Amino acid sequence: GSTTKQFSDLYLADGAQILFGDDSEITLTHDADKGLTIKHAATGDDKFPTLTLAAGDTDIAVNDVIGAIDFVAPDEGTGTDAITTAGSIRVISEGDFAADNNAAKMSFMLGASGAASEVMSVSSAGALTVSGNLIVSGTTTTVSSTTIEVNDPLLFLAQNNTSADAVDIGFFGAYDTSGSQDLYAGLFRDANDG
């Protein structure tokens, strides 16, 4: 092949490999009936495979997509919504790129009825934004912060009504930062615990 005479299709057998580099250190291997594996053959520390999505745009502006991984089922027989993008992970610029700026957010998109839309994002400042409910599962959840700001009443609810509830004590409070209102605070316990 060349820039003017390109190959059209490439057929490789089960388990076939494509090797890159003078030392063939990067391999792309077919995992039969499963997918592809990218491997760095070097055995030393800090030798790992890297997949880079590089945008050719020479003037990145706010909301430009730098790279994306899309998930789609194009052969779904029912068509319409079923064959649109079901999910996507994207990196999107938060402003015009410059010599001192490459701020971007990572956007997680999912479909419900139609093309995928953003349901969660992580900003360049590390702010996590979730459009739906946030459900935390585990025996211990630690939040480390000097300030936790809640715009609406914060309420801890147990998932069921048994005495074995994992979360049964919560704190609620409200105050006016101007100092003109009193502070209201209290504790509540699961009724099953008395």
N, C-alpha and C. Protein backbone atom coordinates (compact mmCIF):
# COMPACT_ATOMS: atom_id res chain seq x y z
N GLY A 1 0.80 -1.20 0.00
CA GLY A 1 0.00 0.00 0.00
C GLY A 1 0.84 1.26 0.00
N SER A 2 0.24 2.37 -0.36
CA SER A 2 0.89 3.67 -0.36
C SER A 2 -0.18 4.73 -0.19
N THR A 3 0.22 5.99 -0.23
CA THR A 3 -0.76 7.06 -0.08
C THR A 3 -1.71 7.14 -1.26
N THR A 4 -1.34 6.56 -2.37
CA THR A 4 -2.21 6.61 -3.55
C THR A 4 -2.78 5.24 -3.93
N LYS A 5 -2.19 4.19 -3.37
CA LYS A 5 -2.68 2.83 -3.67
C LYS A 5 -2.86 2.09 -2.35
N GLN A 6 -4.07 2.23 -1.79
CA GLN A 6 -4.34 1.66 -0.48
C GLN A 6 -4.90 0.25 -0.59
N PHE A 7 -4.60 -0.57 0.41
CA PHE A 7 -5.25 -1.86 0.53
C PHE A 7 -6.68 -1.64 1.02
N SER A 8 -7.57 -2.53 0.66
CA SER A 8 -8.97 -2.39 1.08
C SER A 8 -9.28 -3.18 2.34
N ASP A 9 -8.95 -4.45 2.37
CA ASP A 9 -9.30 -5.30 3.50
C ASP A 9 -8.09 -6.15 3.89
N LEU A 10 -8.06 -6.52 5.18
CA LEU A 10 -6.99 -7.36 5.69
C LEU A 10 -7.62 -8.49 6.48
N TYR A 11 -7.34 -9.72 6.08
CA TYR A 11 -7.90 -10.89 6.75
C TYR A 11 -6.78 -11.63 7.48
N LEU A 12 -6.95 -11.83 8.77
CA LEU A 12 -5.95 -12.52 9.58
C LEU A 12 -6.60 -13.71 10.27
N ALA A 13 -5.81 -14.74 10.50
CA ALA A 13 -6.31 -15.97 11.11
C ALA A 13 -6.47 -15.82 12.62
N ASP A 14 -7.15 -16.77 13.25
CA ASP A 14 -7.28 -16.79 14.71
C ASP A 14 -5.90 -16.71 15.36
N GLY A 15 -5.80 -15.86 16.36
CA GLY A 15 -4.55 -15.74 17.09
C GLY A 15 -3.47 -14.94 16.38
N ALA A 16 -3.79 -14.32 15.26
CA ALA A 16 -2.80 -13.57 14.48
C ALA A 16 -2.26 -12.38 15.27
N GLN A 17 -1.01 -12.01 14.98
CA GLN A 17 -0.36 -10.89 15.63
C GLN A 17 0.10 -9.86 14.62
N ILE A 18 0.05 -8.59 15.02
CA ILE A 18 0.71 -7.51 14.30
C ILE A 18 1.75 -6.95 15.26
N LEU A 19 3.00 -6.87 14.82
CA LEU A 19 4.09 -6.43 15.68
C LEU A 19 4.60 -5.07 15.22
N PHE A 20 4.84 -4.16 16.19
CA PHE A 20 5.27 -2.80 15.89
C PHE A 20 6.63 -2.52 16.53
N GLY A 21 7.45 -1.74 15.84
CA GLY A 21 8.73 -1.31 16.37
C GLY A 21 9.89 -2.18 15.91
N ASP A 22 11.10 -1.60 15.94
CA ASP A 22 12.30 -2.35 15.53
C ASP A 22 12.51 -3.58 16.40
N ASP A 23 12.10 -3.48 17.67
CA ASP A 23 12.26 -4.62 18.58
C ASP A 23 10.97 -5.42 18.72
N SER A 24 9.97 -5.08 17.93
CA SER A 24 8.66 -5.75 18.00
C SER A 24 8.10 -5.75 19.43
N GLU A 25 8.32 -4.61 20.13
CA GLU A 25 7.94 -4.59 21.54
C GLU A 25 6.45 -4.38 21.76
N ILE A 26 5.76 -3.82 20.79
CA ILE A 26 4.32 -3.62 20.90
C ILE A 26 3.62 -4.59 19.97
N THR A 27 2.71 -5.38 20.54
CA THR A 27 2.00 -6.37 19.73
C THR A 27 0.49 -6.15 19.83
N LEU A 28 -0.17 -6.37 18.73
CA LEU A 28 -1.63 -6.37 18.66
C LEU A 28 -2.03 -7.78 18.28
N THR A 29 -2.67 -8.48 19.21
CA THR A 29 -2.94 -9.91 19.03
C THR A 29 -4.44 -10.17 19.04
N HIS A 30 -4.86 -11.03 18.10
CA HIS A 30 -6.26 -11.44 18.07
C HIS A 30 -6.51 -12.49 19.14
N ASP A 31 -7.50 -12.23 20.00
CA ASP A 31 -7.93 -13.20 21.01
C ASP A 31 -9.19 -13.85 20.45
N ALA A 32 -9.05 -15.07 19.96
CA ALA A 32 -10.11 -15.73 19.18
C ALA A 32 -11.47 -15.66 19.87
N ASP A 33 -12.47 -15.25 19.10
CA ASP A 33 -13.86 -15.15 19.55
C ASP A 33 -14.06 -14.20 20.73
N LYS A 34 -13.08 -13.31 20.95
CA LYS A 34 -13.19 -12.38 22.08
C LYS A 34 -12.87 -10.95 21.70
N GLY A 35 -11.68 -10.71 21.13
CA GLY A 35 -11.31 -9.34 20.80
C GLY A 35 -9.84 -9.20 20.47
N LEU A 36 -9.26 -8.06 20.84
CA LEU A 36 -7.87 -7.76 20.54
C LEU A 36 -7.13 -7.41 21.83
N THR A 37 -5.84 -7.77 21.86
CA THR A 37 -5.00 -7.47 23.01
C THR A 37 -3.79 -6.66 22.56
N ILE A 38 -3.60 -5.48 23.19
CA ILE A 38 -2.39 -4.69 22.95
C ILE A 38 -1.44 -4.95 24.11
N LYS A 39 -0.22 -5.33 23.80
CA LYS A 39 0.74 -5.68 24.85
C LYS A 39 2.09 -5.01 24.59
N HIS A 40 2.73 -4.57 25.68
CA HIS A 40 4.11 -4.11 25.63
C HIS A 40 4.97 -5.29 26.09
N ALA A 41 5.88 -5.73 25.24
CA ALA A 41 6.63 -6.95 25.51
C ALA A 41 7.74 -6.77 26.54
N ALA A 42 8.17 -5.51 26.80
CA ALA A 42 9.26 -5.28 27.74
C ALA A 42 8.84 -5.70 29.15
N THR A 43 9.78 -6.27 29.92
CA THR A 43 9.47 -6.79 31.25
C THR A 43 9.84 -5.83 32.37
N GLY A 44 10.48 -4.71 32.07
CA GLY A 44 10.89 -3.76 33.10
C GLY A 44 9.74 -2.92 33.62
N ASP A 45 10.02 -2.20 34.72
CA ASP A 45 9.02 -1.30 35.29
C ASP A 45 8.69 -0.17 34.32
N ASP A 46 7.48 0.35 34.46
CA ASP A 46 7.02 1.49 33.67
C ASP A 46 7.05 1.24 32.17
N LYS A 47 6.87 0.00 31.79
CA LYS A 47 6.73 -0.36 30.38
C LYS A 47 5.33 -0.91 30.22
N PHE A 48 4.45 -0.11 29.68
CA PHE A 48 3.06 -0.51 29.57
C PHE A 48 2.50 -0.03 28.23
N PRO A 49 1.50 -0.71 27.71
CA PRO A 49 0.92 -0.29 26.43
C PRO A 49 0.11 0.99 26.62
N THR A 50 0.16 1.86 25.62
CA THR A 50 -0.57 3.12 25.67
C THR A 50 -1.37 3.29 24.39
N LEU A 51 -2.65 3.51 24.54
CA LEU A 51 -3.51 3.80 23.40
C LEU A 51 -3.81 5.29 23.43
N THR A 52 -3.35 6.02 22.44
CA THR A 52 -3.50 7.47 22.40
C THR A 52 -4.51 7.86 21.32
N LEU A 53 -5.50 8.66 21.72
CA LEU A 53 -6.45 9.22 20.76
C LEU A 53 -6.02 10.65 20.51
N ALA A 54 -5.52 10.94 19.31
CA ALA A 54 -4.94 12.24 19.00
C ALA A 54 -5.81 13.01 18.01
N ALA A 55 -6.33 14.14 18.46
CA ALA A 55 -7.14 14.99 17.58
C ALA A 55 -6.23 15.82 16.67
N GLY A 56 -6.60 15.94 15.40
CA GLY A 56 -5.81 16.72 14.46
C GLY A 56 -6.22 18.18 14.38
N ASP A 57 -7.25 18.55 15.13
CA ASP A 57 -7.74 19.92 15.14
C ASP A 57 -6.64 20.87 15.60
N THR A 58 -6.39 21.94 14.86
CA THR A 58 -5.33 22.89 15.21
C THR A 58 -5.84 24.10 15.99
N ASP A 59 -7.14 24.13 16.28
CA ASP A 59 -7.70 25.25 17.03
C ASP A 59 -8.82 24.72 17.92
N ILE A 60 -8.44 24.16 19.06
CA ILE A 60 -9.41 23.59 19.97
C ILE A 60 -10.16 24.70 20.69
N ALA A 61 -11.48 24.69 20.55
CA ALA A 61 -12.33 25.68 21.21
C ALA A 61 -13.16 24.99 22.29
N VAL A 62 -13.90 25.80 23.06
CA VAL A 62 -14.72 25.26 24.13
C VAL A 62 -15.72 24.25 23.56
N ASN A 63 -15.90 23.13 24.26
CA ASN A 63 -16.84 22.05 23.93
C ASN A 63 -16.41 21.20 22.74
N ASP A 64 -15.18 21.39 22.24
CA ASP A 64 -14.68 20.48 21.20
C ASP A 64 -14.36 19.12 21.82
N VAL A 65 -14.69 18.06 21.09
CA VAL A 65 -14.38 16.71 21.56
C VAL A 65 -12.94 16.38 21.15
N ILE A 66 -12.11 16.02 22.12
CA ILE A 66 -10.71 15.70 21.86
C ILE A 66 -10.59 14.24 21.41
N GLY A 67 -11.39 13.38 22.00
CA GLY A 67 -11.38 11.96 21.64
C GLY A 67 -12.60 11.28 22.24
N ALA A 68 -13.00 10.16 21.67
CA ALA A 68 -14.20 9.47 22.15
C ALA A 68 -14.08 7.96 21.93
N ILE A 69 -14.69 7.23 22.84
CA ILE A 69 -14.89 5.79 22.66
C ILE A 69 -16.39 5.57 22.67
N ASP A 70 -16.94 5.14 21.56
CA ASP A 70 -18.39 4.95 21.42
C ASP A 70 -18.75 3.46 21.47
N PHE A 71 -19.91 3.19 22.04
CA PHE A 71 -20.43 1.83 22.14
C PHE A 71 -21.76 1.80 21.40
N VAL A 72 -21.88 0.90 20.43
CA VAL A 72 -23.07 0.88 19.58
C VAL A 72 -23.35 -0.54 19.11
N ALA A 73 -24.62 -0.84 18.88
CA ALA A 73 -25.05 -2.15 18.36
C ALA A 73 -25.67 -1.92 16.98
N PRO A 74 -24.88 -1.71 15.94
CA PRO A 74 -25.40 -1.29 14.63
C PRO A 74 -26.21 -2.35 13.91
N ASP A 75 -26.09 -3.60 14.31
CA ASP A 75 -26.82 -4.68 13.63
C ASP A 75 -28.10 -5.09 14.34
N GLU A 76 -28.46 -4.38 15.40
CA GLU A 76 -29.70 -4.68 16.12
C GLU A 76 -30.88 -4.58 15.15
N GLY A 77 -31.67 -5.64 15.09
CA GLY A 77 -32.72 -5.75 14.09
C GLY A 77 -33.88 -4.79 14.25
N THR A 78 -34.12 -4.29 15.45
CA THR A 78 -35.27 -3.41 15.65
C THR A 78 -35.02 -1.99 15.15
N GLY A 79 -33.76 -1.64 14.91
CA GLY A 79 -33.44 -0.34 14.33
C GLY A 79 -33.79 0.83 15.21
N THR A 80 -33.95 1.99 14.59
CA THR A 80 -34.30 3.25 15.24
C THR A 80 -33.38 3.52 16.44
N ASP A 81 -33.95 3.70 17.65
CA ASP A 81 -33.13 4.00 18.82
C ASP A 81 -32.10 2.92 19.10
N ALA A 82 -32.44 1.69 18.80
CA ALA A 82 -31.58 0.56 19.16
C ALA A 82 -30.21 0.61 18.49
N ILE A 83 -30.09 1.29 17.35
CA ILE A 83 -28.81 1.31 16.64
C ILE A 83 -28.06 2.63 16.81
N THR A 84 -28.60 3.53 17.63
CA THR A 84 -27.87 4.76 17.92
C THR A 84 -26.82 4.47 18.99
N THR A 85 -25.97 5.44 19.26
CA THR A 85 -24.90 5.25 20.24
C THR A 85 -25.50 4.99 21.62
N ALA A 86 -25.19 3.82 22.19
CA ALA A 86 -25.74 3.45 23.50
C ALA A 86 -24.91 4.02 24.64
N GLY A 87 -23.65 4.25 24.39
CA GLY A 87 -22.78 4.80 25.43
C GLY A 87 -21.55 5.42 24.81
N SER A 88 -20.93 6.34 25.52
CA SER A 88 -19.74 6.99 25.01
C SER A 88 -18.93 7.56 26.17
N ILE A 89 -17.62 7.49 26.06
CA ILE A 89 -16.71 8.15 26.99
C ILE A 89 -15.94 9.18 26.17
N ARG A 90 -16.03 10.43 26.56
CA ARG A 90 -15.42 11.49 25.77
C ARG A 90 -14.60 12.43 26.64
N VAL A 91 -13.59 13.03 26.04
CA VAL A 91 -12.86 14.12 26.68
C VAL A 91 -13.20 15.38 25.88
N ILE A 92 -13.72 16.39 26.58
CA ILE A 92 -14.26 17.58 25.94
C ILE A 92 -13.58 18.82 26.52
N SER A 93 -13.17 19.71 25.66
CA SER A 93 -12.47 20.92 26.13
C SER A 93 -13.42 21.81 26.94
N GLU A 94 -12.89 22.38 28.01
CA GLU A 94 -13.68 23.29 28.84
C GLU A 94 -13.50 24.75 28.42
N GLY A 95 -12.60 24.99 27.50
CA GLY A 95 -12.36 26.35 27.02
C GLY A 95 -11.44 26.31 25.82
N ASP A 96 -11.09 27.45 25.30
CA ASP A 96 -10.15 27.51 24.18
C ASP A 96 -8.77 27.08 24.65
N PHE A 97 -8.16 26.14 23.94
CA PHE A 97 -6.82 25.71 24.29
C PHE A 97 -5.83 26.83 23.97
N ALA A 98 -4.81 26.94 24.79
CA ALA A 98 -3.78 27.97 24.60
C ALA A 98 -2.48 27.44 25.17
N ALA A 99 -1.44 28.26 25.08
CA ALA A 99 -0.13 27.85 25.57
C ALA A 99 -0.18 27.51 27.06
N ASP A 100 -1.12 28.10 27.78
CA ASP A 100 -1.21 27.86 29.22
C ASP A 100 -2.54 27.22 29.62
N ASN A 101 -3.21 26.58 28.68
CA ASN A 101 -4.51 25.99 29.02
C ASN A 101 -4.83 24.78 28.14
N ASN A 102 -5.14 23.68 28.78
CA ASN A 102 -5.70 22.53 28.07
C ASN A 102 -6.77 21.87 28.94
N ALA A 103 -7.51 22.71 29.68
CA ALA A 103 -8.54 22.22 30.59
C ALA A 103 -9.62 21.45 29.82
N ALA A 104 -9.92 20.26 30.32
CA ALA A 104 -10.93 19.42 29.68
C ALA A 104 -11.66 18.60 30.74
N LYS A 105 -12.84 18.18 30.40
CA LYS A 105 -13.60 17.30 31.29
C LYS A 105 -13.74 15.94 30.62
N MET A 106 -13.94 14.90 31.45
CA MET A 106 -14.25 13.58 30.92
C MET A 106 -15.75 13.37 31.10
N SER A 107 -16.41 13.08 30.00
CA SER A 107 -17.86 12.95 29.98
C SER A 107 -18.25 11.49 29.77
N PHE A 108 -19.16 11.00 30.62
CA PHE A 108 -19.68 9.64 30.49
C PHE A 108 -21.13 9.75 30.03
N MET A 109 -21.40 9.18 28.86
CA MET A 109 -22.71 9.32 28.23
C MET A 109 -23.39 7.95 28.10
N LEU A 110 -24.70 7.93 28.30
CA LEU A 110 -25.48 6.70 28.16
C LEU A 110 -26.79 7.01 27.47
N GLY A 111 -27.30 6.02 26.74
CA GLY A 111 -28.58 6.18 26.07
C GLY A 111 -29.71 5.61 26.91
N ALA A 112 -30.89 6.13 26.73
CA ALA A 112 -32.10 5.60 27.36
C ALA A 112 -33.16 5.38 26.28
N SER A 113 -33.38 6.40 25.48
CA SER A 113 -34.25 6.30 24.31
C SER A 113 -33.69 7.28 23.29
N GLY A 114 -32.85 6.77 22.42
CA GLY A 114 -32.17 7.63 21.47
C GLY A 114 -30.69 7.69 21.76
N ALA A 115 -30.01 8.63 21.12
CA ALA A 115 -28.56 8.74 21.25
C ALA A 115 -28.16 9.03 22.70
N ALA A 116 -26.97 8.58 23.05
CA ALA A 116 -26.47 8.76 24.41
C ALA A 116 -26.30 10.22 24.76
N SER A 117 -26.55 10.55 26.02
CA SER A 117 -26.32 11.90 26.52
C SER A 117 -25.56 11.81 27.84
N GLU A 118 -24.99 12.92 28.25
CA GLU A 118 -24.13 12.91 29.44
C GLU A 118 -24.92 12.63 30.71
N VAL A 119 -24.44 11.67 31.49
CA VAL A 119 -25.05 11.36 32.79
C VAL A 119 -24.07 11.62 33.94
N MET A 120 -22.78 11.71 33.61
CA MET A 120 -21.77 11.98 34.63
C MET A 120 -20.56 12.61 33.98
N SER A 121 -19.88 13.49 34.72
CA SER A 121 -18.66 14.09 34.19
C SER A 121 -17.69 14.38 35.32
N VAL A 122 -16.42 14.44 34.96
CA VAL A 122 -15.37 14.84 35.90
C VAL A 122 -14.66 16.03 35.27
N SER A 123 -14.67 17.17 35.96
CA SER A 123 -14.07 18.38 35.41
C SER A 123 -12.56 18.36 35.58
N SER A 124 -11.89 19.32 34.95
CA SER A 124 -10.44 19.44 35.07
C SER A 124 -10.04 19.76 36.51
N ALA A 125 -10.96 20.30 37.29
CA ALA A 125 -10.69 20.60 38.70
C ALA A 125 -10.99 19.42 39.61
N GLY A 126 -11.50 18.32 39.02
CA GLY A 126 -11.80 17.13 39.81
C GLY A 126 -13.21 17.09 40.35
N ALA A 127 -14.08 18.00 39.91
CA ALA A 127 -15.46 18.02 40.38
C ALA A 127 -16.27 16.94 39.67
N LEU A 128 -16.93 16.09 40.44
CA LEU A 128 -17.76 15.03 39.89
C LEU A 128 -19.20 15.50 39.85
N THR A 129 -19.81 15.46 38.66
CA THR A 129 -21.20 15.85 38.49
C THR A 129 -22.00 14.65 38.02
N VAL A 130 -23.06 14.32 38.75
CA VAL A 130 -23.92 13.18 38.42
C VAL A 130 -25.33 13.70 38.20
N SER A 131 -25.94 13.31 37.08
CA SER A 131 -27.27 13.83 36.76
C SER A 131 -28.39 13.05 37.44
N GLY A 132 -28.12 11.82 37.86
CA GLY A 132 -29.14 11.00 38.51
C GLY A 132 -28.83 10.81 39.98
N ASN A 133 -29.32 9.72 40.55
CA ASN A 133 -29.08 9.40 41.94
C ASN A 133 -27.67 8.85 42.13
N LEU A 134 -27.06 9.17 43.25
CA LEU A 134 -25.75 8.63 43.60
C LEU A 134 -25.96 7.57 44.66
N ILE A 135 -25.67 6.34 44.33
CA ILE A 135 -25.85 5.21 45.25
C ILE A 135 -24.48 4.68 45.62
N VAL A 136 -24.18 4.67 46.92
CA VAL A 136 -22.88 4.21 47.40
C VAL A 136 -23.08 2.90 48.14
N SER A 137 -22.36 1.86 47.72
CA SER A 137 -22.45 0.57 48.38
C SER A 137 -21.09 0.22 48.98
N GLY A 138 -21.11 -0.30 50.18
CA GLY A 138 -19.87 -0.70 50.83
C GLY A 138 -20.00 -0.62 52.33
N THR A 139 -19.05 -1.21 53.02
CA THR A 139 -19.11 -1.20 54.48
C THR A 139 -18.64 0.14 55.04
N THR A 140 -17.73 0.82 54.35
CA THR A 140 -17.22 2.10 54.81
C THR A 140 -17.07 3.05 53.64
N THR A 141 -17.61 4.24 53.77
CA THR A 141 -17.44 5.28 52.77
C THR A 141 -16.88 6.51 53.45
N THR A 142 -15.73 6.98 53.00
CA THR A 142 -15.07 8.13 53.62
C THR A 142 -15.09 9.30 52.65
N VAL A 143 -15.55 10.45 53.12
CA VAL A 143 -15.54 11.67 52.33
C VAL A 143 -14.58 12.63 53.01
N SER A 144 -13.52 13.01 52.32
CA SER A 144 -12.54 13.93 52.88
C SER A 144 -12.68 15.28 52.20
N SER A 145 -13.07 16.29 52.96
CA SER A 145 -13.25 17.62 52.39
C SER A 145 -13.33 18.63 53.52
N THR A 146 -12.92 19.84 53.27
CA THR A 146 -13.09 20.89 54.26
C THR A 146 -14.50 21.48 54.20
N THR A 147 -15.13 21.38 53.04
CA THR A 147 -16.48 21.92 52.87
C THR A 147 -17.30 20.98 52.01
N ILE A 148 -18.48 20.65 52.47
CA ILE A 148 -19.44 19.91 51.65
C ILE A 148 -20.68 20.79 51.54
N GLU A 149 -20.96 21.22 50.32
CA GLU A 149 -22.07 22.14 50.10
C GLU A 149 -23.25 21.38 49.54
N VAL A 150 -24.41 21.54 50.18
CA VAL A 150 -25.64 20.87 49.76
C VAL A 150 -26.68 21.94 49.50
N ASN A 151 -27.23 21.96 48.28
CA ASN A 151 -28.20 22.99 47.91
C ASN A 151 -29.61 22.66 48.36
N ASP A 152 -29.89 21.38 48.58
CA ASP A 152 -31.20 20.94 49.03
C ASP A 152 -31.02 20.16 50.32
N PRO A 153 -32.10 19.92 51.06
CA PRO A 153 -31.98 19.14 52.30
C PRO A 153 -31.28 17.80 52.04
N LEU A 154 -30.38 17.45 52.95
CA LEU A 154 -29.63 16.20 52.85
C LEU A 154 -30.23 15.21 53.82
N LEU A 155 -30.59 14.05 53.32
CA LEU A 155 -31.25 13.06 54.15
C LEU A 155 -30.63 11.70 53.90
N PHE A 156 -30.29 11.00 54.98
CA PHE A 156 -29.77 9.64 54.87
C PHE A 156 -30.93 8.68 55.13
N LEU A 157 -31.15 7.79 54.19
CA LEU A 157 -32.23 6.82 54.32
C LEU A 157 -31.68 5.41 54.23
N ALA A 158 -32.17 4.53 55.09
CA ALA A 158 -31.80 3.12 54.98
C ALA A 158 -32.54 2.50 53.81
N GLN A 159 -31.96 1.47 53.21
CA GLN A 159 -32.54 0.86 52.02
C GLN A 159 -33.71 -0.05 52.33
N ASN A 160 -33.86 -0.49 53.57
CA ASN A 160 -34.99 -1.35 53.92
C ASN A 160 -35.43 -1.03 55.33
N ASN A 161 -36.41 -1.74 55.82
CA ASN A 161 -36.99 -1.42 57.12
C ASN A 161 -36.76 -2.54 58.12
N THR A 162 -35.53 -3.00 58.20
CA THR A 162 -35.21 -4.06 59.15
C THR A 162 -34.22 -3.54 60.18
N SER A 163 -34.07 -4.26 61.26
CA SER A 163 -33.14 -3.84 62.31
C SER A 163 -31.69 -4.00 61.89
N ALA A 164 -31.46 -4.64 60.74
CA ALA A 164 -30.09 -4.87 60.27
C ALA A 164 -29.61 -3.78 59.33
N ASP A 165 -30.34 -2.66 59.27
CA ASP A 165 -29.93 -1.58 58.38
C ASP A 165 -28.50 -1.14 58.68
N ALA A 166 -27.70 -0.96 57.62
CA ALA A 166 -26.31 -0.56 57.80
C ALA A 166 -26.19 0.92 58.18
N VAL A 167 -27.12 1.74 57.71
CA VAL A 167 -27.08 3.18 58.00
C VAL A 167 -28.30 3.51 58.84
N ASP A 168 -28.08 3.85 60.10
CA ASP A 168 -29.25 4.13 60.93
C ASP A 168 -29.11 5.41 61.73
N ILE A 169 -28.02 6.14 61.57
CA ILE A 169 -27.88 7.41 62.26
C ILE A 169 -27.49 8.47 61.24
N GLY A 170 -28.15 9.60 61.28
CA GLY A 170 -27.82 10.66 60.36
C GLY A 170 -27.79 12.00 61.07
N PHE A 171 -27.31 13.02 60.40
CA PHE A 171 -27.24 14.38 60.94
C PHE A 171 -27.92 15.31 59.97
N PHE A 172 -28.70 16.23 60.47
CA PHE A 172 -29.27 17.25 59.61
C PHE A 172 -29.10 18.60 60.26
N GLY A 173 -28.94 19.61 59.43
CA GLY A 173 -28.76 20.94 59.97
C GLY A 173 -28.96 21.99 58.91
N ALA A 174 -29.22 23.21 59.34
CA ALA A 174 -29.38 24.33 58.41
C ALA A 174 -29.01 25.60 59.14
N TYR A 175 -28.37 26.52 58.45
CA TYR A 175 -28.07 27.80 59.06
C TYR A 175 -27.98 28.88 58.00
N ASP A 176 -28.11 30.09 58.45
CA ASP A 176 -28.03 31.26 57.58
C ASP A 176 -26.65 31.89 57.79
N THR A 177 -25.86 31.97 56.72
CA THR A 177 -24.49 32.49 56.87
C THR A 177 -24.45 33.95 57.27
N SER A 178 -25.57 34.66 57.15
CA SER A 178 -25.60 36.06 57.55
C SER A 178 -25.64 36.22 59.07
N GLY A 179 -25.95 35.13 59.75
CA GLY A 179 -26.01 35.18 61.21
C GLY A 179 -27.35 35.62 61.75
N SER A 180 -28.32 35.88 60.87
CA SER A 180 -29.61 36.38 61.33
C SER A 180 -30.56 35.25 61.73
N GLN A 181 -30.20 34.03 61.42
CA GLN A 181 -31.06 32.90 61.74
C GLN A 181 -30.33 31.94 62.67
N ASP A 182 -31.10 31.21 63.45
CA ASP A 182 -30.52 30.24 64.36
C ASP A 182 -30.07 28.99 63.61
N LEU A 183 -29.20 28.24 64.24
CA LEU A 183 -28.76 26.96 63.72
C LEU A 183 -29.70 25.88 64.21
N TYR A 184 -30.20 25.08 63.30
CA TYR A 184 -31.07 23.97 63.66
C TYR A 184 -30.35 22.68 63.30
N ALA A 185 -30.21 21.80 64.25
CA ALA A 185 -29.50 20.55 64.02
C ALA A 185 -30.11 19.47 64.87
N GLY A 186 -29.89 18.24 64.46
CA GLY A 186 -30.42 17.13 65.24
C GLY A 186 -29.95 15.81 64.73
N LEU A 187 -30.25 14.77 65.46
CA LEU A 187 -29.91 13.41 65.10
C LEU A 187 -31.19 12.60 65.02
N PHE A 188 -31.18 11.60 64.15
CA PHE A 188 -32.30 10.67 64.14
C PHE A 188 -31.76 9.26 64.08
N ARG A 189 -32.53 8.32 64.59
CA ARG A 189 -32.11 6.92 64.59
C ARG A 189 -33.20 6.09 63.96
N ASP A 190 -32.82 4.93 63.48
CA ASP A 190 -33.77 3.97 62.92
C ASP A 190 -34.72 3.53 64.03
N ALA A 191 -36.01 3.58 63.74
CA ALA A 191 -37.01 3.22 64.77
C ALA A 191 -36.83 1.78 65.22
N ASN A 192 -36.33 0.92 64.34
CA ASN A 192 -36.16 -0.49 64.71
C ASN A 192 -35.09 -0.67 65.79
N ASP A 193 -34.22 0.34 65.95
CA ASP A 193 -33.20 0.25 66.97
C ASP A 193 -33.64 0.92 68.27
N GLY A 194 -34.90 1.36 68.32
CA GLY A 194 -35.41 2.00 69.53
C GLY A 194 -35.04 3.45 69.59
